[in-house]
């Protein structure tokens, strides 16, 4: 197998001895200030809709599909599902969703709240600085452009072909390591670890067509994602996936970093994904790991230091 690999005892411990898990109650289990602001605004919006737009509420209730779920608040329209789409199966067909147009915006839909909040703050700050001395307004303008750049969601051309595993994230491969035994995969494994800087696209994508087997979330620290102990100690979310062909089973780990502290994953067990399909993101820089069983016929196609693009770069292949 042509790869630069190393055995990392700290990371092996993380794979074989997972930390205490907590229930996943939203697509962003770590919460956050922006999430709380959005949920607060949602409560106000629902009160207003029920008071002044009863006809709209009735129409949306009639067109809603599914059997329900464990939602913490009323689901009046698709906006109420943003943080809780993994808690049940309520949904609207595309033709019944008045907010479907938001998917045409080239920004991550799960980050639109942050875009609005940060934009409001930066525009206000820019206006104040321009009033004091107009050249100072350039700083919040640059920061605002960075916010838009960070939450970008570009389209990707997904490669075809059997046995290919594409990158689950953009970034730089900083480790290709052997794991002596992985309980989720039931075998020895290879982990390809990708570091996402604040300048990378932060959408996470499925490496292969698969079905979600299990998801677990573990709270933790926010160490620098490049440190070996980050895999063991940082907040992390693990998605175990089953593929129809080889490798049969694989997993993706989303790990926070010193700056990135908000993992987003909208999957639930039983969900089906196509190769390269988005399933989450990590906000503001982080680490993503692809762990595959070390089987005969596996070829790792990247080395440490390689720059990869989520959904496009082939990390490994099975013959």
C-alpha atoms as a PDB file:
ATOM      1  CA  UNK A   1       0.000   0.000   0.000  1.00  0.00           C
ATOM      2  CA  UNK A   2       1.653   3.248  -1.141  1.00  0.00           C
ATOM      3  CA  UNK A   3       1.159   5.631   1.750  1.00  0.00           C
ATOM      4  CA  UNK A   4       3.014   7.490   4.445  1.00  0.00           C
ATOM      5  CA  UNK A   5       1.501   6.090   7.626  1.00  0.00           C
ATOM      6  CA  UNK A   6       2.217   6.019  11.288  1.00  0.00           C
ATOM      7  CA  UNK A   7       0.812   4.295  14.331  1.00  0.00           C
ATOM      8  CA  UNK A   8      -0.643   6.828  16.751  1.00  0.00           C
ATOM      9  CA  UNK A   9      -1.289   5.351  20.173  1.00  0.00           C
ATOM     10  CA  UNK A  10      -3.252   8.385  21.341  1.00  0.00           C
ATOM     11  CA  UNK A  11      -5.579   8.232  18.356  1.00  0.00           C
ATOM     12  CA  UNK A  12      -5.923   4.452  18.623  1.00  0.00           C
ATOM     13  CA  UNK A  13      -7.126   4.974  22.169  1.00  0.00           C
ATOM     14  CA  UNK A  14      -9.712   7.419  20.887  1.00  0.00           C
ATOM     15  CA  UNK A  15     -11.006   4.805  18.434  1.00  0.00           C
ATOM     16  CA  UNK A  16     -11.117   1.886  20.860  1.00  0.00           C
ATOM     17  CA  UNK A  17     -12.188   3.699  24.031  1.00  0.00           C
ATOM     18  CA  UNK A  18     -14.776   6.347  23.138  1.00  0.00           C
ATOM     19  CA  UNK A  19     -15.702   8.978  25.677  1.00  0.00           C
ATOM     20  CA  UNK A  20     -19.096   9.216  27.292  1.00  0.00           C
ATOM     21  CA  UNK A  21     -21.794   9.898  24.718  1.00  0.00           C
ATOM     22  CA  UNK A  22     -24.703  12.294  25.107  1.00  0.00           C
ATOM     23  CA  UNK A  23     -28.045  12.263  23.267  1.00  0.00           C
ATOM     24  CA  UNK A  24     -28.111  14.122  19.964  1.00  0.00           C
ATOM     25  CA  UNK A  25     -31.012  16.559  20.271  1.00  0.00           C
ATOM     26  CA  UNK A  26     -30.303  18.829  17.299  1.00  0.00           C
ATOM     27  CA  UNK A  27     -28.134  19.055  14.211  1.00  0.00           C
ATOM     28  CA  UNK A  28     -25.753  21.264  16.230  1.00  0.00           C
ATOM     29  CA  UNK A  29     -25.437  19.363  19.521  1.00  0.00           C
ATOM     30  CA  UNK A  30     -22.864  21.777  20.949  1.00  0.00           C
ATOM     31  CA  UNK A  31     -25.330  24.669  20.795  1.00  0.00           C
ATOM     32  CA  UNK A  32     -23.909  28.176  20.551  1.00  0.00           C
ATOM     33  CA  UNK A  33     -24.841  31.845  20.834  1.00  0.00           C
ATOM     34  CA  UNK A  34     -26.004  32.187  17.225  1.00  0.00           C
ATOM     35  CA  UNK A  35     -28.165  29.084  17.564  1.00  0.00           C
ATOM     36  CA  UNK A  36     -29.794  30.488  20.703  1.00  0.00           C
ATOM     37  CA  UNK A  37     -30.473  33.793  18.945  1.00  0.00           C
ATOM     38  CA  UNK A  38     -32.057  31.987  15.997  1.00  0.00           C
ATOM     39  CA  UNK A  39     -34.228  29.851  18.263  1.00  0.00           C
ATOM     40  CA  UNK A  40     -35.321  32.947  20.174  1.00  0.00           C
ATOM     41  CA  UNK A  41     -36.269  34.667  16.946  1.00  0.00           C
ATOM     42  CA  UNK A  42     -38.102  31.519  15.847  1.00  0.00           C
ATOM     43  CA  UNK A  43     -40.286  31.619  18.963  1.00  0.00           C
ATOM     44  CA  UNK A  44     -41.237  35.236  18.199  1.00  0.00           C
ATOM     45  CA  UNK A  45     -41.922  34.384  14.556  1.00  0.00           C
ATOM     46  CA  UNK A  46     -44.199  31.461  15.445  1.00  0.00           C
ATOM     47  CA  UNK A  47     -46.205  33.619  17.839  1.00  0.00           C
ATOM     48  CA  UNK A  48     -46.632  36.252  15.134  1.00  0.00           C
ATOM     49  CA  UNK A  49     -47.678  33.669  12.524  1.00  0.00           C
ATOM     50  CA  UNK A  50     -50.263  32.054  14.800  1.00  0.00           C
ATOM     51  CA  UNK A  51     -51.687  35.458  15.676  1.00  0.00           C
ATOM     52  CA  UNK A  52     -51.733  37.268  12.339  1.00  0.00           C
ATOM     53  CA  UNK A  53     -51.322  34.608   9.631  1.00  0.00           C
ATOM     54  CA  UNK A  54     -53.596  31.781  10.647  1.00  0.00           C
ATOM     55  CA  UNK A  55     -54.458  30.929   7.062  1.00  0.00           C
ATOM     56  CA  UNK A  56     -50.793  30.434   6.215  1.00  0.00           C
ATOM     57  CA  UNK A  57     -50.295  28.245   9.296  1.00  0.00           C
ATOM     58  CA  UNK A  58     -53.286  26.099   8.290  1.00  0.00           C
ATOM     59  CA  UNK A  59     -52.028  25.703   4.705  1.00  0.00           C
ATOM     60  CA  UNK A  60     -48.568  24.693   5.852  1.00  0.00           C
ATOM     61  CA  UNK A  61     -50.012  22.178   8.323  1.00  0.00           C
ATOM     62  CA  UNK A  62     -52.104  20.650   5.544  1.00  0.00           C
ATOM     63  CA  UNK A  63     -49.145  20.263   3.176  1.00  0.00           C
ATOM     64  CA  UNK A  64     -46.751  18.924   5.810  1.00  0.00           C
ATOM     65  CA  UNK A  65     -45.656  15.300   5.311  1.00  0.00           C
ATOM     66  CA  UNK A  66     -44.412  12.667   7.749  1.00  0.00           C
ATOM     67  CA  UNK A  67     -45.412  11.079  11.038  1.00  0.00           C
ATOM     68  CA  UNK A  68     -43.842  13.562  13.425  1.00  0.00           C
ATOM     69  CA  UNK A  69     -40.909  13.353  15.766  1.00  0.00           C
ATOM     70  CA  UNK A  70     -39.343  14.525  18.997  1.00  0.00           C
ATOM     71  CA  UNK A  71     -39.353  18.257  18.288  1.00  0.00           C
ATOM     72  CA  UNK A  72     -38.814  20.800  21.099  1.00  0.00           C
ATOM     73  CA  UNK A  73     -41.246  23.325  19.615  1.00  0.00           C
ATOM     74  CA  UNK A  74     -44.070  23.590  17.107  1.00  0.00           C
ATOM     75  CA  UNK A  75     -43.211  22.967  13.450  1.00  0.00           C
ATOM     76  CA  UNK A  76     -45.227  25.537  11.529  1.00  0.00           C
ATOM     77  CA  UNK A  77     -43.116  25.728   8.373  1.00  0.00           C
ATOM     78  CA  UNK A  78     -39.743  24.445   7.061  1.00  0.00           C
ATOM     79  CA  UNK A  79     -37.791  27.111   8.947  1.00  0.00           C
ATOM     80  CA  UNK A  80     -38.713  25.417  12.223  1.00  0.00           C
ATOM     81  CA  UNK A  81     -36.924  22.245  11.092  1.00  0.00           C
ATOM     82  CA  UNK A  82     -33.537  23.881  10.572  1.00  0.00           C
ATOM     83  CA  UNK A  83     -31.924  22.713  13.822  1.00  0.00           C
ATOM     84  CA  UNK A  84     -34.172  19.688  14.385  1.00  0.00           C
ATOM     85  CA  UNK A  85     -34.484  17.936  11.040  1.00  0.00           C
ATOM     86  CA  UNK A  86     -32.737  14.901  12.573  1.00  0.00           C
ATOM     87  CA  UNK A  87     -35.380  14.542  15.293  1.00  0.00           C
ATOM     88  CA  UNK A  88     -38.196  13.204  13.134  1.00  0.00           C
ATOM     89  CA  UNK A  89     -39.501  12.863   9.597  1.00  0.00           C
ATOM     90  CA  UNK A  90     -41.764  15.884   9.128  1.00  0.00           C
ATOM     91  CA  UNK A  91     -41.007  17.640   5.855  1.00  0.00           C
ATOM     92  CA  UNK A  92     -42.525  19.520   2.945  1.00  0.00           C
ATOM     93  CA  UNK A  93     -42.352  18.601  -0.722  1.00  0.00           C
ATOM     94  CA  UNK A  94     -40.250  21.013  -2.803  1.00  0.00           C
ATOM     95  CA  UNK A  95     -43.341  22.491  -4.445  1.00  0.00           C
ATOM     96  CA  UNK A  96     -44.881  23.185  -1.019  1.00  0.00           C
ATOM     97  CA  UNK A  97     -41.770  24.758   0.516  1.00  0.00           C
ATOM     98  CA  UNK A  98     -41.891  28.573   0.154  1.00  0.00           C
ATOM     99  CA  UNK A  99     -38.274  28.817   1.350  1.00  0.00           C
ATOM    100  CA  UNK A 100     -36.778  26.422  -1.180  1.00  0.00           C
ATOM    101  CA  UNK A 101     -35.192  29.389  -2.966  1.00  0.00           C
ATOM    102  CA  UNK A 102     -32.627  29.646  -0.170  1.00  0.00           C
ATOM    103  CA  UNK A 103     -30.899  26.552  -1.538  1.00  0.00           C
ATOM    104  CA  UNK A 104     -29.977  28.554  -4.639  1.00  0.00           C
ATOM    105  CA  UNK A 105     -27.915  30.959  -2.527  1.00  0.00           C
ATOM    106  CA  UNK A 106     -24.235  29.888  -2.859  1.00  0.00           C
ATOM    107  CA  UNK A 107     -23.861  29.823   0.926  1.00  0.00           C
ATOM    108  CA  UNK A 108     -24.290  26.953   3.376  1.00  0.00           C
ATOM    109  CA  UNK A 109     -27.945  27.024   4.379  1.00  0.00           C
ATOM    110  CA  UNK A 110     -27.106  25.982   7.944  1.00  0.00           C
ATOM    111  CA  UNK A 111     -24.846  29.029   8.161  1.00  0.00           C
ATOM    112  CA  UNK A 112     -27.319  31.649   6.941  1.00  0.00           C
ATOM    113  CA  UNK A 113     -28.184  32.590  10.520  1.00  0.00           C
ATOM    114  CA  UNK A 114     -24.549  33.372  11.280  1.00  0.00           C
ATOM    115  CA  UNK A 115     -24.285  35.328   8.029  1.00  0.00           C
ATOM    116  CA  UNK A 116     -27.263  37.500   9.000  1.00  0.00           C
ATOM    117  CA  UNK A 117     -26.089  38.003  12.590  1.00  0.00           C
ATOM    118  CA  UNK A 118     -22.461  38.782  11.715  1.00  0.00           C
ATOM    119  CA  UNK A 119     -23.546  41.005   8.821  1.00  0.00           C
ATOM    120  CA  UNK A 120     -25.817  43.038  11.088  1.00  0.00           C
ATOM    121  CA  UNK A 121     -23.039  43.538  13.638  1.00  0.00           C
ATOM    122  CA  UNK A 122     -20.410  44.407  11.030  1.00  0.00           C
ATOM    123  CA  UNK A 123     -22.678  46.782   9.110  1.00  0.00           C
ATOM    124  CA  UNK A 124     -23.503  48.604  12.337  1.00  0.00           C
ATOM    125  CA  UNK A 125     -19.834  48.739  13.290  1.00  0.00           C
ATOM    126  CA  UNK A 126     -18.911  49.945   9.811  1.00  0.00           C
ATOM    127  CA  UNK A 127     -21.476  52.738   9.973  1.00  0.00           C
ATOM    128  CA  UNK A 128     -20.119  53.867  13.344  1.00  0.00           C
ATOM    129  CA  UNK A 129     -16.500  53.803  12.181  1.00  0.00           C
ATOM    130  CA  UNK A 130     -17.391  55.617   8.949  1.00  0.00           C
ATOM    131  CA  UNK A 131     -19.011  58.354  11.029  1.00  0.00           C
ATOM    132  CA  UNK A 132     -15.846  58.667  13.134  1.00  0.00           C
ATOM    133  CA  UNK A 133     -13.376  58.439  10.217  1.00  0.00           C
ATOM    134  CA  UNK A 134     -14.463  56.776   6.995  1.00  0.00           C
ATOM    135  CA  UNK A 135     -11.229  54.798   6.219  1.00  0.00           C
ATOM    136  CA  UNK A 136     -11.833  52.794   9.399  1.00  0.00           C
ATOM    137  CA  UNK A 137     -14.946  51.297   7.789  1.00  0.00           C
ATOM    138  CA  UNK A 138     -12.678  49.183   5.567  1.00  0.00           C
ATOM    139  CA  UNK A 139     -11.935  46.767   8.432  1.00  0.00           C
ATOM    140  CA  UNK A 140     -15.540  45.586   9.077  1.00  0.00           C
ATOM    141  CA  UNK A 141     -16.065  45.500   5.295  1.00  0.00           C
ATOM    142  CA  UNK A 142     -13.168  43.051   4.916  1.00  0.00           C
ATOM    143  CA  UNK A 143     -14.450  40.977   7.841  1.00  0.00           C
ATOM    144  CA  UNK A 144     -17.920  40.885   6.257  1.00  0.00           C
ATOM    145  CA  UNK A 145     -16.458  39.587   2.987  1.00  0.00           C
ATOM    146  CA  UNK A 146     -14.606  36.926   4.963  1.00  0.00           C
ATOM    147  CA  UNK A 147     -17.874  35.810   6.615  1.00  0.00           C
ATOM    148  CA  UNK A 148     -19.440  35.336   3.173  1.00  0.00           C
ATOM    149  CA  UNK A 149     -16.322  33.519   1.959  1.00  0.00           C
ATOM    150  CA  UNK A 150     -16.239  31.205   4.954  1.00  0.00           C
ATOM    151  CA  UNK A 151     -19.845  30.036   4.537  1.00  0.00           C
ATOM    152  CA  UNK A 152     -19.570  29.516   0.773  1.00  0.00           C
ATOM    153  CA  UNK A 153     -21.042  26.299  -0.599  1.00  0.00           C
ATOM    154  CA  UNK A 154     -19.625  25.691  -4.092  1.00  0.00           C
ATOM    155  CA  UNK A 155     -20.963  23.032  -6.403  1.00  0.00           C
ATOM    156  CA  UNK A 156     -18.701  20.044  -6.853  1.00  0.00           C
ATOM    157  CA  UNK A 157     -18.214  17.597  -9.734  1.00  0.00           C
ATOM    158  CA  UNK A 158     -18.354  14.196  -8.032  1.00  0.00           C
ATOM    159  CA  UNK A 159     -16.168  11.504  -9.666  1.00  0.00           C
ATOM    160  CA  UNK A 160     -17.798   8.281 -10.793  1.00  0.00           C
ATOM    161  CA  UNK A 161     -16.449   4.750 -10.694  1.00  0.00           C
ATOM    162  CA  UNK A 162     -16.618   1.749  -8.397  1.00  0.00           C
ATOM    163  CA  UNK A 163     -14.656   1.491  -5.179  1.00  0.00           C
ATOM    164  CA  UNK A 164     -13.743   5.170  -4.855  1.00  0.00           C
ATOM    165  CA  UNK A 165     -13.792   7.055  -1.564  1.00  0.00           C
ATOM    166  CA  UNK A 166     -13.788  10.833  -1.951  1.00  0.00           C
ATOM    167  CA  UNK A 167     -12.651  13.403   0.588  1.00  0.00           C
ATOM    168  CA  UNK A 168     -15.259  14.205   3.262  1.00  0.00           C
ATOM    169  CA  UNK A 169     -13.865  17.740   3.583  1.00  0.00           C
ATOM    170  CA  UNK A 170     -11.648  20.377   2.015  1.00  0.00           C
ATOM    171  CA  UNK A 171      -8.236  20.965   3.540  1.00  0.00           C
ATOM    172  CA  UNK A 172      -4.775  19.480   3.889  1.00  0.00           C
ATOM    173  CA  UNK A 173      -3.966  15.868   4.756  1.00  0.00           C
ATOM    174  CA  UNK A 174      -1.823  16.074   7.868  1.00  0.00           C
ATOM    175  CA  UNK A 175      -1.783  12.400   8.844  1.00  0.00           C
ATOM    176  CA  UNK A 176      -2.287   8.998   7.226  1.00  0.00           C
ATOM    177  CA  UNK A 177      -2.086   6.519  10.068  1.00  0.00           C
ATOM    178  CA  UNK A 178      -2.747   2.907  10.916  1.00  0.00           C
ATOM    179  CA  UNK A 179      -5.207   1.914  13.619  1.00  0.00           C
ATOM    180  CA  UNK A 180      -4.522  -1.501  15.099  1.00  0.00           C
ATOM    181  CA  UNK A 181      -8.205  -2.164  15.795  1.00  0.00           C
ATOM    182  CA  UNK A 182     -11.384  -0.146  15.286  1.00  0.00           C
ATOM    183  CA  UNK A 183     -14.496  -1.319  17.113  1.00  0.00           C
ATOM    184  CA  UNK A 184     -16.913   0.364  14.687  1.00  0.00           C
ATOM    185  CA  UNK A 185     -15.361  -1.321  11.657  1.00  0.00           C
ATOM    186  CA  UNK A 186     -14.432  -4.591  13.347  1.00  0.00           C
ATOM    187  CA  UNK A 187     -10.944  -4.654  11.871  1.00  0.00           C
ATOM    188  CA  UNK A 188      -7.653  -2.854  11.598  1.00  0.00           C
ATOM    189  CA  UNK A 189      -8.105   0.444   9.814  1.00  0.00           C
ATOM    190  CA  UNK A 190      -6.482   3.377   8.061  1.00  0.00           C
ATOM    191  CA  UNK A 191      -7.373   6.913   9.114  1.00  0.00           C
ATOM    192  CA  UNK A 192      -6.871   9.808   6.697  1.00  0.00           C
ATOM    193  CA  UNK A 193      -6.937  13.008   8.745  1.00  0.00           C
ATOM    194  CA  UNK A 194      -7.721  16.359   7.117  1.00  0.00           C
ATOM    195  CA  UNK A 195      -7.099  19.755   8.686  1.00  0.00           C
ATOM    196  CA  UNK A 196      -9.492  22.523   7.656  1.00  0.00           C
ATOM    197  CA  UNK A 197      -8.156  26.052   8.053  1.00  0.00           C
ATOM    198  CA  UNK A 198     -10.470  29.046   8.382  1.00  0.00           C
ATOM    199  CA  UNK A 199     -10.003  29.631   4.639  1.00  0.00           C
ATOM    200  CA  UNK A 200     -11.308  26.232   3.495  1.00  0.00           C
ATOM    201  CA  UNK A 201     -14.848  25.288   2.518  1.00  0.00           C
ATOM    202  CA  UNK A 202     -16.301  23.723   5.661  1.00  0.00           C
ATOM    203  CA  UNK A 203     -19.051  21.551   4.202  1.00  0.00           C
ATOM    204  CA  UNK A 204     -18.670  17.840   5.062  1.00  0.00           C
ATOM    205  CA  UNK A 205     -19.581  15.282   2.401  1.00  0.00           C
ATOM    206  CA  UNK A 206     -20.192  11.557   2.223  1.00  0.00           C
ATOM    207  CA  UNK A 207     -17.151   9.619   0.920  1.00  0.00           C
ATOM    208  CA  UNK A 208     -19.324   7.031  -0.843  1.00  0.00           C
ATOM    209  CA  UNK A 209     -22.933   6.050  -1.454  1.00  0.00           C
ATOM    210  CA  UNK A 210     -24.031   4.607   1.859  1.00  0.00           C
ATOM    211  CA  UNK A 211     -26.623   4.217   4.591  1.00  0.00           C
ATOM    212  CA  UNK A 212     -26.084   5.738   8.020  1.00  0.00           C
ATOM    213  CA  UNK A 213     -25.649   3.002  10.632  1.00  0.00           C
ATOM    214  CA  UNK A 214     -25.068   5.042  13.777  1.00  0.00           C
ATOM    215  CA  UNK A 215     -24.149   8.507  15.019  1.00  0.00           C
ATOM    216  CA  UNK A 216     -22.592   9.445  18.321  1.00  0.00           C
ATOM    217  CA  UNK A 217     -21.649  12.786  19.804  1.00  0.00           C
ATOM    218  CA  UNK A 218     -19.040  13.260  22.513  1.00  0.00           C
ATOM    219  CA  UNK A 219     -18.487  16.623  24.233  1.00  0.00           C
ATOM    220  CA  UNK A 220     -14.897  17.555  24.899  1.00  0.00           C
ATOM    221  CA  UNK A 221     -12.171  20.156  24.768  1.00  0.00           C
ATOM    222  CA  UNK A 222     -11.228  22.590  22.012  1.00  0.00           C
ATOM    223  CA  UNK A 223      -7.525  21.878  21.536  1.00  0.00           C
ATOM    224  CA  UNK A 224      -5.663  22.768  18.358  1.00  0.00           C
ATOM    225  CA  UNK A 225      -6.966  20.249  15.806  1.00  0.00           C
ATOM    226  CA  UNK A 226      -3.410  19.414  14.687  1.00  0.00           C
ATOM    227  CA  UNK A 227      -2.396  18.104  18.097  1.00  0.00           C
ATOM    228  CA  UNK A 228      -2.461  14.264  18.349  1.00  0.00           C
ATOM    229  CA  UNK A 229      -4.528  14.344  21.549  1.00  0.00           C
ATOM    230  CA  UNK A 230      -7.257  16.378  19.809  1.00  0.00           C
ATOM    231  CA  UNK A 231      -8.676  13.143  18.357  1.00  0.00           C
ATOM    232  CA  UNK A 232      -9.062  11.798  21.885  1.00  0.00           C
ATOM    233  CA  UNK A 233     -10.025  14.873  23.903  1.00  0.00           C
ATOM    234  CA  UNK A 234     -11.861  17.317  21.623  1.00  0.00           C
ATOM    235  CA  UNK A 235     -15.583  17.505  21.017  1.00  0.00           C
ATOM    236  CA  UNK A 236     -16.376  15.080  18.199  1.00  0.00           C
ATOM    237  CA  UNK A 237     -19.198  13.526  16.219  1.00  0.00           C
ATOM    238  CA  UNK A 238     -18.771  10.111  14.591  1.00  0.00           C
ATOM    239  CA  UNK A 239     -20.903   8.848  11.697  1.00  0.00           C
ATOM    240  CA  UNK A 240     -20.658   5.132  10.898  1.00  0.00           C
ATOM    241  CA  UNK A 241     -21.759   4.279   7.359  1.00  0.00           C
ATOM    242  CA  UNK A 242     -22.512   1.052   5.479  1.00  0.00           C
ATOM    243  CA  UNK A 243     -21.766   0.762   1.763  1.00  0.00           C
ATOM    244  CA  UNK A 244     -23.299  -1.705  -0.672  1.00  0.00           C
ATOM    245  CA  UNK A 245     -19.926  -2.687  -2.130  1.00  0.00           C
ATOM    246  CA  UNK A 246     -16.466  -2.504  -0.627  1.00  0.00           C
ATOM    247  CA  UNK A 247     -15.391  -1.495   1.960  1.00  0.00           C
ATOM    248  CA  UNK A 248     -18.758  -2.488   3.478  1.00  0.00           C
ATOM    249  CA  UNK A 249     -18.381  -0.109   6.391  1.00  0.00           C
ATOM    250  CA  UNK A 250     -16.512   3.155   7.018  1.00  0.00           C
ATOM    251  CA  UNK A 251     -16.799   6.171   9.249  1.00  0.00           C
ATOM    252  CA  UNK A 252     -16.285   9.908   9.250  1.00  0.00           C
ATOM    253  CA  UNK A 253     -15.323  11.839  12.386  1.00  0.00           C
ATOM    254  CA  UNK A 254     -15.977  15.562  12.736  1.00  0.00           C
ATOM    255  CA  UNK A 255     -13.646  17.048  15.365  1.00  0.00           C
ATOM    256  CA  UNK A 256     -13.641  20.604  16.689  1.00  0.00           C
ATOM    257  CA  UNK A 257     -10.534  22.759  16.995  1.00  0.00           C
ATOM    258  CA  UNK A 258      -9.328  25.755  18.959  1.00  0.00           C
ATOM    259  CA  UNK A 259     -11.457  28.147  16.862  1.00  0.00           C
ATOM    260  CA  UNK A 260     -14.036  25.820  15.337  1.00  0.00           C
ATOM    261  CA  UNK A 261     -16.430  24.871  18.106  1.00  0.00           C
ATOM    262  CA  UNK A 262     -19.677  24.068  16.351  1.00  0.00           C
ATOM    263  CA  UNK A 263     -20.184  20.687  14.707  1.00  0.00           C
ATOM    264  CA  UNK A 264     -23.235  20.427  12.449  1.00  0.00           C
ATOM    265  CA  UNK A 265     -24.604  17.078  11.236  1.00  0.00           C
ATOM    266  CA  UNK A 266     -28.190  16.639  10.081  1.00  0.00           C
ATOM    267  CA  UNK A 267     -28.074  12.864   9.623  1.00  0.00           C
ATOM    268  CA  UNK A 268     -29.937  10.182  11.535  1.00  0.00           C
ATOM    269  CA  UNK A 269     -29.628   6.374  11.403  1.00  0.00           C
ATOM    270  CA  UNK A 270     -31.208   4.940   8.277  1.00  0.00           C
ATOM    271  CA  UNK A 271     -30.559   7.978   6.084  1.00  0.00           C
ATOM    272  CA  UNK A 272     -29.235   7.199   2.601  1.00  0.00           C
ATOM    273  CA  UNK A 273     -26.486   9.311   1.053  1.00  0.00           C
ATOM    274  CA  UNK A 274     -24.972   9.470  -2.393  1.00  0.00           C
ATOM    275  CA  UNK A 275     -21.243   9.886  -2.962  1.00  0.00           C
ATOM    276  CA  UNK A 276     -20.215  13.492  -2.309  1.00  0.00           C
ATOM    277  CA  UNK A 277     -23.569  14.484  -0.811  1.00  0.00           C
ATOM    278  CA  UNK A 278     -23.300  17.138   1.946  1.00  0.00           C
ATOM    279  CA  UNK A 279     -24.288  16.003   5.432  1.00  0.00           C
ATOM    280  CA  UNK A 280     -22.935  18.704   7.748  1.00  0.00           C
ATOM    281  CA  UNK A 281     -20.224  21.243   8.429  1.00  0.00           C
ATOM    282  CA  UNK A 282     -17.858  22.450  11.128  1.00  0.00           C
ATOM    283  CA  UNK A 283     -17.922  26.176  11.683  1.00  0.00           C
ATOM    284  CA  UNK A 284     -14.621  28.111  11.674  1.00  0.00           C
ATOM    285  CA  UNK A 285     -11.831  25.584  11.034  1.00  0.00           C
ATOM    286  CA  UNK A 286     -11.428  22.036  12.283  1.00  0.00           C
ATOM    287  CA  UNK A 287     -10.444  18.439  11.582  1.00  0.00           C
ATOM    288  CA  UNK A 288     -12.247  15.683   9.683  1.00  0.00           C
ATOM    289  CA  UNK A 289     -11.165  12.037   9.608  1.00  0.00           C
ATOM    290  CA  UNK A 290     -12.053   9.295   7.152  1.00  0.00           C
ATOM    291  CA  UNK A 291     -11.541   5.851   8.701  1.00  0.00           C
ATOM    292  CA  UNK A 292     -11.666   2.806   6.414  1.00  0.00           C
ATOM    293  CA  UNK A 293     -11.018  -0.895   7.099  1.00  0.00           C
ATOM    294  CA  UNK A 294      -7.559  -2.105   6.143  1.00  0.00           C
ATOM    295  CA  UNK A 295      -8.633  -4.729   3.626  1.00  0.00           C
ATOM    296  CA  UNK A 296      -6.858  -6.398   0.740  1.00  0.00           C
ATOM    297  CA  UNK A 297      -7.131  -4.288  -2.391  1.00  0.00           C
ATOM    298  CA  UNK A 298      -7.132  -0.944  -0.565  1.00  0.00           C
ATOM    299  CA  UNK A 299      -4.935   1.766  -2.080  1.00  0.00           C
ATOM    300  CA  UNK A 300      -4.541   5.103  -0.337  1.00  0.00           C
ATOM    301  CA  UNK A 301      -4.263   7.779  -3.018  1.00  0.00           C
ATOM    302  CA  UNK A 302      -2.997  10.708  -0.928  1.00  0.00           C
ATOM    303  CA  UNK A 303      -0.019  11.453   1.289  1.00  0.00           C
ATOM    304  CA  UNK A 304       0.651  13.825   4.137  1.00  0.00           C
ATOM    305  CA  UNK A 305       0.720  17.416   2.924  1.00  0.00           C
ATOM    306  CA  UNK A 306      -1.667  16.884  -0.002  1.00  0.00           C
ATOM    307  CA  UNK A 307      -4.418  19.460  -0.488  1.00  0.00           C
ATOM    308  CA  UNK A 308      -7.837  17.876  -1.048  1.00  0.00           C
ATOM    309  CA  UNK A 309     -11.307  19.070  -2.026  1.00  0.00           C
ATOM    310  CA  UNK A 310     -14.418  17.600  -0.460  1.00  0.00           C
ATOM    311  CA  UNK A 311     -16.465  15.416  -2.791  1.00  0.00           C
ATOM    312  CA  UNK A 312     -13.872  15.659  -5.578  1.00  0.00           C
ATOM    313  CA  UNK A 313     -10.482  14.350  -4.454  1.00  0.00           C
ATOM    314  CA  UNK A 314     -10.213  10.546  -4.323  1.00  0.00           C
ATOM    315  CA  UNK A 315      -8.592   9.619  -1.005  1.00  0.00           C
ATOM    316  CA  UNK A 316      -8.662   5.849  -1.424  1.00  0.00           C
ATOM    317  CA  UNK A 317      -9.864   3.131  -3.749  1.00  0.00           C
ATOM    318  CA  UNK A 318     -10.734  -0.544  -3.467  1.00  0.00           C
ATOM    319  CA  UNK A 319      -9.801  -2.812  -6.370  1.00  0.00           C
END
